[in-house]
Amino acid sequence: MLELQQLHVCQGQNNFCFDAILPTEKCTALVGASGAGKTTLLNTLAGFVTPTSGKLLWQGQDLVSQLPAQRPFTSLFQEHNLFAHLDLFTNVGLGIDPGLRLTENQRQAVEEALMQVGLAGMGKRLPGSLSGGQRQRGALARALVRRQPWLLLDEPFSALDPGLRREMIDLVADLQERNKLSLVLVSHDPEEALQLASEVIFIAEGGVYWQGQGRDFLQQQSEPIARYLGHMASL
């Protein structure tokens, strides 16, 4: 499990305190209103934001002082961040070695990742020749070759149309099971998040307001959650 112990984070005028336990080999959804701190929490896990105090414990080690590249996380963002001038194989290979000094085994790992995300045989294509869904699949392949146990997803499918979002959710669920990944998913749509997540953390009032099973979240009656779910239902 990943344990957040009183992680205090300051972002501009906002102060947050995150205290939670995230299970391994499951998907935990971070939901809450805009500005509640969902992405701040995800960036704190990844090491892009440094807390002023607290601990982030993984396998008995505090990760707070570690650089992003030293942490057991890979991030997948809404923007796929593929380099337009590099072909898909090269973009994925950057996940293994930024200098692209790949061994034969590593090259095979890139091909395997492309196959897993449904892009076999497309390694020579440039990102501009791919659809939005294919580019996001390529970014997912790059995340897979890093072989980190945790995958952090910051609304990675929100720019896709509903059919492609459903397709990508199914793909990520399959990859999670096959690769025994632990996922943390930021989403603005709790019903969509629950298609993938078994655990929910609701962020409100500067921290973790509620944590529990996904099947229980939509039944919560506390005022902040009810207000949030009511707002979502009206969209």
C-alpha atoms as a PDB file:
ATOM      1  CA  MET A   1       0.000   0.000   0.000  1.00  0.00           C
ATOM      2  CA  LEU A   2       0.958   3.636  -0.494  1.00  0.00           C
ATOM      3  CA  GLU A   3       0.534   5.676   2.667  1.00  0.00           C
ATOM      4  CA  LEU A   4       0.097   9.452   2.795  1.00  0.00           C
ATOM      5  CA  GLN A   5       0.767  10.723   6.300  1.00  0.00           C
ATOM      6  CA  GLN A   6      -0.227  14.350   6.893  1.00  0.00           C
ATOM      7  CA  LEU A   7       1.230  15.614   3.625  1.00  0.00           C
ATOM      8  CA  HIS A   8       0.971  19.405   3.844  1.00  0.00           C
ATOM      9  CA  VAL A   9       1.122  21.208   0.509  1.00  0.00           C
ATOM     10  CA  CYS A  10       0.952  24.934  -0.240  1.00  0.00           C
ATOM     11  CA  GLN A  11      -0.116  26.069  -3.707  1.00  0.00           C
ATOM     12  CA  GLY A  12      -0.488  29.823  -3.962  1.00  0.00           C
ATOM     13  CA  GLN A  13      -3.163  30.836  -1.466  1.00  0.00           C
ATOM     14  CA  ASN A  14      -4.339  27.232  -1.023  1.00  0.00           C
ATOM     15  CA  ASN A  15      -3.194  24.922   1.737  1.00  0.00           C
ATOM     16  CA  PHE A  16      -3.839  21.199   1.608  1.00  0.00           C
ATOM     17  CA  CYS A  17      -3.311  18.303   3.972  1.00  0.00           C
ATOM     18  CA  PHE A  18      -3.551  14.807   2.495  1.00  0.00           C
ATOM     19  CA  ASP A  19      -3.902  11.748   4.687  1.00  0.00           C
ATOM     20  CA  ALA A  20      -4.860   8.462   3.027  1.00  0.00           C
ATOM     21  CA  ILE A  21      -3.920   4.882   2.232  1.00  0.00           C
ATOM     22  CA  LEU A  22      -3.962   3.768  -1.406  1.00  0.00           C
ATOM     23  CA  PRO A  23      -4.237   0.024  -2.105  1.00  0.00           C
ATOM     24  CA  THR A  24      -1.952  -1.725  -4.558  1.00  0.00           C
ATOM     25  CA  GLU A  25      -3.030  -3.447  -7.773  1.00  0.00           C
ATOM     26  CA  LYS A  26      -6.311  -1.533  -7.746  1.00  0.00           C
ATOM     27  CA  CYS A  27      -7.534   1.734  -9.245  1.00  0.00           C
ATOM     28  CA  THR A  28      -8.223   4.614  -6.878  1.00  0.00           C
ATOM     29  CA  ALA A  29     -10.179   7.554  -8.307  1.00  0.00           C
ATOM     30  CA  LEU A  30      -9.568  11.088  -7.043  1.00  0.00           C
ATOM     31  CA  VAL A  31     -12.781  13.080  -7.454  1.00  0.00           C
ATOM     32  CA  GLY A  32     -13.966  16.472  -6.270  1.00  0.00           C
ATOM     33  CA  ALA A  33     -14.882  19.935  -7.460  1.00  0.00           C
ATOM     34  CA  SER A  34     -12.576  21.984  -9.675  1.00  0.00           C
ATOM     35  CA  GLY A  35      -9.783  23.464  -7.565  1.00  0.00           C
ATOM     36  CA  ALA A  36     -10.321  20.995  -4.718  1.00  0.00           C
ATOM     37  CA  GLY A  37      -6.756  19.675  -5.003  1.00  0.00           C
ATOM     38  CA  LYS A  38      -7.028  16.512  -7.103  1.00  0.00           C
ATOM     39  CA  THR A  39      -4.229  17.362  -9.514  1.00  0.00           C
ATOM     40  CA  THR A  40      -2.186  18.873  -6.682  1.00  0.00           C
ATOM     41  CA  LEU A  41      -2.333  15.532  -4.889  1.00  0.00           C
ATOM     42  CA  LEU A  42      -1.383  13.634  -8.048  1.00  0.00           C
ATOM     43  CA  ASN A  43       1.563  15.980  -8.676  1.00  0.00           C
ATOM     44  CA  THR A  44       2.663  15.590  -5.060  1.00  0.00           C
ATOM     45  CA  LEU A  45       2.764  11.821  -5.494  1.00  0.00           C
ATOM     46  CA  ALA A  46       4.743  12.169  -8.713  1.00  0.00           C
ATOM     47  CA  GLY A  47       7.238  14.568  -7.099  1.00  0.00           C
ATOM     48  CA  PHE A  48       6.359  17.610  -9.204  1.00  0.00           C
ATOM     49  CA  VAL A  49       5.083  19.357  -6.051  1.00  0.00           C
ATOM     50  CA  THR A  50       7.038  19.190  -2.786  1.00  0.00           C
ATOM     51  CA  PRO A  51       5.099  19.057   0.495  1.00  0.00           C
ATOM     52  CA  THR A  52       6.182  21.280   3.357  1.00  0.00           C
ATOM     53  CA  SER A  53       5.826  18.399   5.814  1.00  0.00           C
ATOM     54  CA  GLY A  54       4.513  14.865   6.143  1.00  0.00           C
ATOM     55  CA  LYS A  55       5.475  11.474   4.736  1.00  0.00           C
ATOM     56  CA  LEU A  56       4.793   9.483   1.595  1.00  0.00           C
ATOM     57  CA  LEU A  57       5.540   5.868   2.430  1.00  0.00           C
ATOM     58  CA  TRP A  58       6.037   3.077  -0.087  1.00  0.00           C
ATOM     59  CA  GLN A  59       7.471  -0.273   0.974  1.00  0.00           C
ATOM     60  CA  GLY A  60       8.742   1.253   4.195  1.00  0.00           C
ATOM     61  CA  GLN A  61      10.544   4.147   2.485  1.00  0.00           C
ATOM     62  CA  ASP A  62       9.629   7.829   2.598  1.00  0.00           C
ATOM     63  CA  LEU A  63       9.564   9.141  -0.988  1.00  0.00           C
ATOM     64  CA  VAL A  64       9.235  12.844  -0.171  1.00  0.00           C
ATOM     65  CA  SER A  65      12.908  13.632  -0.733  1.00  0.00           C
ATOM     66  CA  GLN A  66      13.156  11.617  -3.958  1.00  0.00           C
ATOM     67  CA  LEU A  67      13.196  13.187  -7.415  1.00  0.00           C
ATOM     68  CA  PRO A  68      10.349  12.308  -9.803  1.00  0.00           C
ATOM     69  CA  ALA A  69      12.539   9.933 -11.823  1.00  0.00           C
ATOM     70  CA  GLN A  70      13.443   8.027  -8.656  1.00  0.00           C
ATOM     71  CA  ARG A  71       9.850   7.355  -7.639  1.00  0.00           C
ATOM     72  CA  PRO A  72       7.790   4.264  -8.526  1.00  0.00           C
ATOM     73  CA  PHE A  73       5.314   6.308 -10.580  1.00  0.00           C
ATOM     74  CA  THR A  74       4.616   6.965 -14.236  1.00  0.00           C
ATOM     75  CA  SER A  75       2.287   9.824 -15.198  1.00  0.00           C
ATOM     76  CA  LEU A  76      -0.185   9.879 -18.081  1.00  0.00           C
ATOM     77  CA  PHE A  77      -1.720  13.268 -18.831  1.00  0.00           C
ATOM     78  CA  GLN A  78      -4.616  14.527 -20.939  1.00  0.00           C
ATOM     79  CA  GLU A  79      -2.044  15.827 -23.432  1.00  0.00           C
ATOM     80  CA  HIS A  80      -0.258  12.779 -24.775  1.00  0.00           C
ATOM     81  CA  ASN A  81       3.099  14.649 -24.939  1.00  0.00           C
ATOM     82  CA  LEU A  82       4.406  12.712 -27.920  1.00  0.00           C
ATOM     83  CA  PHE A  83       7.179  14.434 -29.875  1.00  0.00           C
ATOM     84  CA  ALA A  84       5.754  15.320 -33.286  1.00  0.00           C
ATOM     85  CA  HIS A  85       9.076  14.902 -35.145  1.00  0.00           C
ATOM     86  CA  LEU A  86       9.760  11.412 -33.759  1.00  0.00           C
ATOM     87  CA  ASP A  87       8.048   8.230 -34.886  1.00  0.00           C
ATOM     88  CA  LEU A  88       5.888   6.246 -32.502  1.00  0.00           C
ATOM     89  CA  PHE A  89       8.538   3.593 -31.752  1.00  0.00           C
ATOM     90  CA  THR A  90      11.040   6.299 -30.772  1.00  0.00           C
ATOM     91  CA  ASN A  91       8.489   8.118 -28.637  1.00  0.00           C
ATOM     92  CA  VAL A  92       7.772   4.930 -26.721  1.00  0.00           C
ATOM     93  CA  GLY A  93      11.471   4.086 -26.437  1.00  0.00           C
ATOM     94  CA  LEU A  94      12.064   7.395 -24.656  1.00  0.00           C
ATOM     95  CA  GLY A  95      10.214   5.876 -21.714  1.00  0.00           C
ATOM     96  CA  ILE A  96      13.088   3.427 -21.287  1.00  0.00           C
ATOM     97  CA  ASP A  97      16.088   5.615 -22.101  1.00  0.00           C
ATOM     98  CA  PRO A  98      15.933   9.331 -23.017  1.00  0.00           C
ATOM     99  CA  GLY A  99      19.163   8.794 -24.950  1.00  0.00           C
ATOM    100  CA  LEU A 100      17.536   5.961 -26.929  1.00  0.00           C
ATOM    101  CA  ARG A 101      20.450   3.620 -26.346  1.00  0.00           C
ATOM    102  CA  LEU A 102      18.183   0.582 -26.407  1.00  0.00           C
ATOM    103  CA  THR A 103      19.303  -3.015 -26.150  1.00  0.00           C
ATOM    104  CA  GLU A 104      17.639  -5.659 -28.283  1.00  0.00           C
ATOM    105  CA  ASN A 105      15.566  -6.749 -25.282  1.00  0.00           C
ATOM    106  CA  GLN A 106      14.460  -3.173 -24.725  1.00  0.00           C
ATOM    107  CA  ARG A 107      13.498  -2.806 -28.387  1.00  0.00           C
ATOM    108  CA  GLN A 108      11.428  -5.943 -28.029  1.00  0.00           C
ATOM    109  CA  ALA A 109       9.801  -4.417 -24.930  1.00  0.00           C
ATOM    110  CA  VAL A 110       8.771  -1.387 -27.017  1.00  0.00           C
ATOM    111  CA  GLU A 111       7.225  -3.636 -29.664  1.00  0.00           C
ATOM    112  CA  GLU A 112       5.420  -5.627 -26.969  1.00  0.00           C
ATOM    113  CA  ALA A 113       4.017  -2.446 -25.402  1.00  0.00           C
ATOM    114  CA  LEU A 114       2.767  -1.250 -28.798  1.00  0.00           C
ATOM    115  CA  MET A 115       1.119  -4.622 -29.297  1.00  0.00           C
ATOM    116  CA  GLN A 116      -0.532  -4.481 -25.866  1.00  0.00           C
ATOM    117  CA  VAL A 117      -2.172  -1.139 -26.656  1.00  0.00           C
ATOM    118  CA  GLY A 118      -3.300  -2.208 -30.130  1.00  0.00           C
ATOM    119  CA  LEU A 119      -0.651  -0.375 -32.163  1.00  0.00           C
ATOM    120  CA  ALA A 120       1.378  -3.303 -33.461  1.00  0.00           C
ATOM    121  CA  GLY A 121       3.075  -2.507 -36.754  1.00  0.00           C
ATOM    122  CA  MET A 122       2.606   1.246 -36.368  1.00  0.00           C
ATOM    123  CA  GLY A 123       5.973   2.113 -34.840  1.00  0.00           C
ATOM    124  CA  LYS A 124       7.235   3.972 -37.932  1.00  0.00           C
ATOM    125  CA  ARG A 125       4.298   6.383 -38.028  1.00  0.00           C
ATOM    126  CA  LEU A 126       4.573   9.976 -36.853  1.00  0.00           C
ATOM    127  CA  PRO A 127       2.112  11.233 -34.204  1.00  0.00           C
ATOM    128  CA  GLY A 128       0.537  13.635 -36.699  1.00  0.00           C
ATOM    129  CA  SER A 129      -0.654  10.701 -38.807  1.00  0.00           C
ATOM    130  CA  LEU A 130      -2.437   9.075 -35.853  1.00  0.00           C
ATOM    131  CA  SER A 131      -5.908   9.655 -34.462  1.00  0.00           C
ATOM    132  CA  GLY A 132      -6.358  11.172 -31.009  1.00  0.00           C
ATOM    133  CA  GLY A 133      -7.123   7.772 -29.545  1.00  0.00           C
ATOM    134  CA  GLN A 134      -4.050   6.237 -31.192  1.00  0.00           C
ATOM    135  CA  ARG A 135      -1.812   8.991 -29.849  1.00  0.00           C
ATOM    136  CA  GLN A 136      -3.136   8.403 -26.340  1.00  0.00           C
ATOM    137  CA  ARG A 137      -2.521   4.678 -26.792  1.00  0.00           C
ATOM    138  CA  GLY A 138       1.047   5.526 -27.757  1.00  0.00           C
ATOM    139  CA  ALA A 139       1.461   7.563 -24.575  1.00  0.00           C
ATOM    140  CA  LEU A 140       0.085   4.610 -22.632  1.00  0.00           C
ATOM    141  CA  ALA A 141       2.629   2.297 -24.297  1.00  0.00           C
ATOM    142  CA  ARG A 142       5.417   4.674 -23.249  1.00  0.00           C
ATOM    143  CA  ALA A 143       4.125   4.503 -19.678  1.00  0.00           C
ATOM    144  CA  LEU A 144       4.083   0.708 -19.787  1.00  0.00           C
ATOM    145  CA  VAL A 145       7.721   0.324 -20.865  1.00  0.00           C
ATOM    146  CA  ARG A 146       8.853   2.216 -17.765  1.00  0.00           C
ATOM    147  CA  ARG A 147       7.660  -0.808 -15.775  1.00  0.00           C
ATOM    148  CA  GLN A 148       6.803   1.181 -12.663  1.00  0.00           C
ATOM    149  CA  PRO A 149       4.207  -0.284 -10.278  1.00  0.00           C
ATOM    150  CA  TRP A 150       2.095   2.907 -10.093  1.00  0.00           C
ATOM    151  CA  LEU A 151       0.392   4.666 -12.994  1.00  0.00           C
ATOM    152  CA  LEU A 152      -0.942   8.190 -12.329  1.00  0.00           C
ATOM    153  CA  LEU A 153      -3.656   9.335 -14.745  1.00  0.00           C
ATOM    154  CA  ASP A 154      -4.704  12.995 -14.843  1.00  0.00           C
ATOM    155  CA  GLU A 155      -7.961  13.055 -16.837  1.00  0.00           C
ATOM    156  CA  PRO A 156      -6.127  11.337 -19.708  1.00  0.00           C
ATOM    157  CA  PHE A 157      -9.218  10.605 -21.807  1.00  0.00           C
ATOM    158  CA  SER A 158     -11.309  13.747 -21.325  1.00  0.00           C
ATOM    159  CA  ALA A 159     -10.352  15.122 -24.769  1.00  0.00           C
ATOM    160  CA  LEU A 160     -11.682  11.998 -26.491  1.00  0.00           C
ATOM    161  CA  ASP A 161     -15.225  11.472 -27.653  1.00  0.00           C
ATOM    162  CA  PRO A 162     -17.452   9.187 -25.507  1.00  0.00           C
ATOM    163  CA  GLY A 163     -16.891   6.086 -27.614  1.00  0.00           C
ATOM    164  CA  LEU A 164     -13.113   6.418 -27.496  1.00  0.00           C
ATOM    165  CA  ARG A 165     -13.201   7.151 -23.748  1.00  0.00           C
ATOM    166  CA  ARG A 166     -15.080   3.908 -23.142  1.00  0.00           C
ATOM    167  CA  GLU A 167     -12.577   2.070 -25.336  1.00  0.00           C
ATOM    168  CA  MET A 168      -9.601   3.532 -23.464  1.00  0.00           C
ATOM    169  CA  ILE A 169     -11.135   2.762 -20.069  1.00  0.00           C
ATOM    170  CA  ASP A 170     -11.588  -0.865 -21.109  1.00  0.00           C
ATOM    171  CA  LEU A 171      -8.011  -0.961 -22.394  1.00  0.00           C
ATOM    172  CA  VAL A 172      -6.553   0.486 -19.180  1.00  0.00           C
ATOM    173  CA  ALA A 173      -8.599  -1.959 -17.084  1.00  0.00           C
ATOM    174  CA  ASP A 174      -7.223  -4.844 -19.130  1.00  0.00           C
ATOM    175  CA  LEU A 175      -3.637  -3.569 -18.904  1.00  0.00           C
ATOM    176  CA  GLN A 176      -3.969  -3.059 -15.172  1.00  0.00           C
ATOM    177  CA  GLU A 177      -5.001  -6.666 -14.665  1.00  0.00           C
ATOM    178  CA  ARG A 178      -2.387  -8.100 -17.022  1.00  0.00           C
ATOM    179  CA  ASN A 179       0.490  -6.003 -15.636  1.00  0.00           C
ATOM    180  CA  LYS A 180      -0.697  -5.911 -11.993  1.00  0.00           C
ATOM    181  CA  LEU A 181      -0.574  -2.111 -11.967  1.00  0.00           C
ATOM    182  CA  SER A 182      -1.717   0.206  -9.197  1.00  0.00           C
ATOM    183  CA  LEU A 183      -3.613   3.180 -10.643  1.00  0.00           C
ATOM    184  CA  VAL A 184      -4.521   6.620  -9.357  1.00  0.00           C
ATOM    185  CA  LEU A 185      -7.045   8.353 -11.619  1.00  0.00           C
ATOM    186  CA  VAL A 186      -8.070  12.020 -11.464  1.00  0.00           C
ATOM    187  CA  SER A 187     -11.507  12.478 -12.988  1.00  0.00           C
ATOM    188  CA  HIS A 188     -14.178  15.173 -13.138  1.00  0.00           C
ATOM    189  CA  ASP A 189     -16.820  12.529 -13.873  1.00  0.00           C
ATOM    190  CA  PRO A 190     -17.404  10.147 -10.924  1.00  0.00           C
ATOM    191  CA  GLU A 191     -19.625   7.768 -12.861  1.00  0.00           C
ATOM    192  CA  GLU A 192     -16.992   7.401 -15.565  1.00  0.00           C
ATOM    193  CA  ALA A 193     -14.255   6.993 -12.943  1.00  0.00           C
ATOM    194  CA  LEU A 194     -16.195   4.202 -11.276  1.00  0.00           C
ATOM    195  CA  GLN A 195     -16.098   2.231 -14.498  1.00  0.00           C
ATOM    196  CA  LEU A 196     -12.400   1.775 -13.771  1.00  0.00           C
ATOM    197  CA  ALA A 197     -11.901   2.464 -10.056  1.00  0.00           C
ATOM    198  CA  SER A 198     -12.832   0.231  -7.140  1.00  0.00           C
ATOM    199  CA  GLU A 199     -11.744   2.850  -4.577  1.00  0.00           C
ATOM    200  CA  VAL A 200     -12.686   6.525  -4.362  1.00  0.00           C
ATOM    201  CA  ILE A 201     -11.027   9.422  -2.578  1.00  0.00           C
ATOM    202  CA  PHE A 202     -13.176  12.545  -2.439  1.00  0.00           C
ATOM    203  CA  ILE A 203     -11.118  15.719  -2.120  1.00  0.00           C
ATOM    204  CA  ALA A 204     -12.807  18.679  -0.397  1.00  0.00           C
ATOM    205  CA  GLU A 205     -12.159  21.280   2.291  1.00  0.00           C
ATOM    206  CA  GLY A 206      -8.414  21.141   1.775  1.00  0.00           C
ATOM    207  CA  GLY A 207      -7.837  17.415   2.023  1.00  0.00           C
ATOM    208  CA  VAL A 208      -9.210  13.897   1.898  1.00  0.00           C
ATOM    209  CA  TYR A 209     -12.832  14.337   2.946  1.00  0.00           C
ATOM    210  CA  TRP A 210     -13.972  10.757   2.278  1.00  0.00           C
ATOM    211  CA  GLN A 211     -12.408   7.475   1.198  1.00  0.00           C
ATOM    212  CA  GLY A 212     -14.123   4.194   0.539  1.00  0.00           C
ATOM    213  CA  GLN A 213     -15.371   1.632  -1.926  1.00  0.00           C
ATOM    214  CA  GLY A 214     -16.518   2.988  -5.238  1.00  0.00           C
ATOM    215  CA  ARG A 215     -19.894   1.285  -4.946  1.00  0.00           C
ATOM    216  CA  ASP A 216     -20.576   3.278  -1.769  1.00  0.00           C
ATOM    217  CA  PHE A 217     -19.578   6.713  -3.020  1.00  0.00           C
ATOM    218  CA  LEU A 218     -22.689   7.539  -5.020  1.00  0.00           C
ATOM    219  CA  GLN A 219     -24.816   6.774  -1.935  1.00  0.00           C
ATOM    220  CA  GLN A 220     -23.092   9.279   0.349  1.00  0.00           C
ATOM    221  CA  GLN A 221     -25.382  11.934   1.846  1.00  0.00           C
ATOM    222  CA  SER A 222     -22.906  14.307   3.515  1.00  0.00           C
ATOM    223  CA  GLU A 223     -23.349  17.882   2.323  1.00  0.00           C
ATOM    224  CA  PRO A 224     -20.089  18.338   0.331  1.00  0.00           C
ATOM    225  CA  ILE A 225     -20.489  15.026  -1.518  1.00  0.00           C
ATOM    226  CA  ALA A 226     -24.218  15.471  -2.110  1.00  0.00           C
ATOM    227  CA  ARG A 227     -23.597  18.982  -3.463  1.00  0.00           C
ATOM    228  CA  TYR A 228     -20.859  17.698  -5.756  1.00  0.00           C
ATOM    229  CA  LEU A 229     -22.906  14.770  -7.043  1.00  0.00           C
ATOM    230  CA  GLY A 230     -25.910  17.030  -7.530  1.00  0.00           C
ATOM    231  CA  HIS A 231     -23.787  19.411  -9.571  1.00  0.00           C
ATOM    232  CA  MET A 232     -22.492  16.544 -11.687  1.00  0.00           C
ATOM    233  CA  ALA A 233     -26.012  15.251 -12.291  1.00  0.00           C
ATOM    234  CA  SER A 234     -27.061  18.659 -13.594  1.00  0.00           C
ATOM    235  CA  LEU A 235     -24.347  18.817 -16.251  1.00  0.00           C
END
